[in-house]
Amino acid sequence: MTVTGRGFATLPASDLERAKSWYAENLGLKPAQEVDGGVVYDMAEGTKVFLFTSSGKPSGTHTQVSFEVEDVEAEVRGMKSHGVQFEEYDLPGFKTEGSIVTDANGKGAWLHDSEGNLIAISERLPF
């Protein structure tokens, strides 16, 4: 078997309506399509994110999806002003300053959505 189709992120939601509201209010995303059990968000360059109703719980311990933004610092400031809390890290080679990690790939910040999924916002990555 050879996989040749698209890949897309899938994120569980215990309360789909709450999650849709969170994604609209905090990330500015609107569903492109509503399907049985979930919603699809169309992203740049043909990528998609599927947010689906699930009774399972996300671990929240690793990044489940990363969204590219033009200006990480401005997005963090704006989201914080609306009450969004960002993760803070202090690890060797990975330390936040003002909720933002800066490394050789650029800047990024991590936060949990309304459902406990760990998501990242970052500058465009070099891949």
Protein backbone atom coordinates (compact mmCIF):
# COMPACT_ATOMS: atom_id res chain seq x y z
CA MET A 1 0.00 0.00 0.00
CA THR A 2 1.18 3.50 -0.82
CA VAL A 3 -0.51 6.52 0.70
CA THR A 4 -0.97 9.17 -1.95
CA GLY A 5 -3.93 11.20 -0.69
CA ARG A 6 -4.09 14.27 1.47
CA GLY A 7 -3.32 14.34 5.14
CA PHE A 8 -5.35 16.39 7.59
CA ALA A 9 -5.47 16.99 11.31
CA THR A 10 -8.33 15.59 13.39
CA LEU A 11 -9.21 17.05 16.78
CA PRO A 12 -11.70 15.57 19.26
CA ALA A 13 -14.37 17.70 20.92
CA SER A 14 -16.58 16.59 23.79
CA ASP A 15 -18.81 19.63 23.10
CA LEU A 16 -18.75 20.44 19.39
CA GLU A 17 -20.78 23.66 19.69
CA ARG A 18 -18.48 25.00 22.41
CA ALA A 19 -15.44 24.05 20.33
CA LYS A 20 -16.82 25.71 17.18
CA SER A 21 -17.41 28.89 19.16
CA TRP A 22 -13.88 28.77 20.61
CA TYR A 23 -12.29 28.30 17.17
CA ALA A 24 -14.35 31.17 15.74
CA GLU A 25 -13.72 33.58 18.63
CA ASN A 26 -10.05 32.82 19.25
CA LEU A 27 -8.67 31.72 15.89
CA GLY A 28 -11.11 33.40 13.54
CA LEU A 29 -11.97 30.07 11.89
CA LYS A 30 -15.35 29.35 10.37
CA PRO A 31 -16.37 25.83 9.30
CA ALA A 32 -16.16 25.30 5.56
CA GLN A 33 -18.38 22.26 5.81
CA GLU A 34 -20.52 20.60 8.46
CA VAL A 35 -20.66 16.83 8.24
CA ASP A 36 -22.26 14.16 10.38
CA GLY A 37 -20.43 14.33 13.70
CA GLY A 38 -18.13 17.24 12.99
CA VAL A 39 -16.95 20.25 11.05
CA VAL A 40 -14.22 20.78 8.48
CA TYR A 41 -12.03 23.88 8.40
CA ASP A 42 -10.30 24.68 5.12
CA MET A 43 -6.83 26.04 5.65
CA ALA A 44 -4.19 27.36 3.24
CA GLU A 45 -2.78 25.28 0.40
CA GLY A 46 -5.50 22.64 0.56
CA THR A 47 -4.90 21.58 4.15
CA LYS A 48 -7.85 20.83 6.39
CA VAL A 49 -8.68 20.37 10.05
CA PHE A 50 -11.55 18.12 11.11
CA LEU A 51 -13.09 18.84 14.50
CA PHE A 52 -15.28 15.92 15.53
CA THR A 53 -17.56 14.92 18.38
CA SER A 54 -15.80 12.41 20.61
CA SER A 55 -16.30 10.90 24.03
CA GLY A 56 -12.53 10.41 24.25
CA LYS A 57 -10.25 12.95 25.84
CA PRO A 58 -7.19 14.48 24.20
CA SER A 59 -3.96 13.97 26.11
CA GLY A 60 -3.07 17.64 25.79
CA THR A 61 0.56 16.64 26.29
CA HIS A 62 1.77 17.07 22.72
CA THR A 63 0.98 19.47 19.90
CA GLN A 64 -2.00 18.12 17.99
CA VAL A 65 -2.12 20.80 15.31
CA SER A 66 -0.10 23.89 14.49
CA PHE A 67 -1.55 26.93 12.74
CA GLU A 68 0.67 29.35 10.87
CA VAL A 69 0.16 33.07 11.51
CA GLU A 70 1.84 36.17 10.12
CA ASP A 71 2.78 37.71 13.48
CA VAL A 72 3.02 35.42 16.51
CA GLU A 73 3.60 38.28 18.95
CA ALA A 74 0.51 40.19 17.79
CA GLU A 75 -1.64 37.05 17.87
CA VAL A 76 -0.50 36.17 21.40
CA ARG A 77 -1.23 39.70 22.61
CA GLY A 78 -4.67 39.70 20.97
CA MET A 79 -5.62 36.27 22.26
CA LYS A 80 -4.41 37.08 25.78
CA SER A 81 -6.58 40.20 25.76
CA HIS A 82 -9.55 37.86 25.23
CA GLY A 83 -8.57 35.65 28.16
CA VAL A 84 -6.70 32.88 26.30
CA GLN A 85 -3.96 31.35 28.44
CA PHE A 86 -0.72 30.19 26.86
CA GLU A 87 1.62 27.49 28.03
CA GLU A 88 4.93 28.48 29.56
CA TYR A 89 8.02 26.29 29.08
CA ASP A 90 11.47 26.30 30.66
CA LEU A 91 13.36 23.40 29.12
CA PRO A 92 16.90 23.20 27.76
CA GLY A 93 16.78 24.92 24.36
CA PHE A 94 13.03 25.55 24.66
CA LYS A 95 12.07 28.47 26.89
CA THR A 96 9.15 30.85 26.55
CA GLU A 97 9.54 34.58 26.94
CA GLY A 98 6.19 36.32 27.10
CA SER A 99 4.59 32.96 26.16
CA ILE A 100 6.64 32.73 22.93
CA VAL A 101 9.48 30.36 22.05
CA THR A 102 12.03 31.68 19.58
CA ASP A 103 14.39 29.20 17.91
CA ALA A 104 16.09 28.55 14.57
CA ASN A 105 12.69 27.90 12.94
CA GLY A 106 11.16 31.20 14.12
CA LYS A 107 8.57 31.95 16.79
CA GLY A 108 5.78 29.84 18.23
CA ALA A 109 3.34 29.69 21.14
CA TRP A 110 1.21 26.89 22.60
CA LEU A 111 -2.27 26.90 24.11
CA HIS A 112 -5.14 24.55 24.85
CA ASP A 113 -8.44 24.87 23.04
CA SER A 114 -11.79 24.57 24.82
CA GLU A 115 -11.59 20.77 24.58
CA GLY A 116 -8.07 20.31 25.98
CA ASN A 117 -6.29 19.86 22.63
CA LEU A 118 -2.79 21.37 22.66
CA ILE A 119 -2.43 23.60 19.63
CA ALA A 120 0.37 25.84 18.44
CA ILE A 121 0.54 29.04 16.50
CA SER A 122 3.78 29.71 14.69
CA GLU A 123 5.46 31.61 11.94
CA ARG A 124 5.61 29.72 8.65
CA LEU A 125 7.95 26.79 9.10
CA PRO A 126 10.67 26.04 6.54
CA PHE A 127 9.05 22.80 5.40
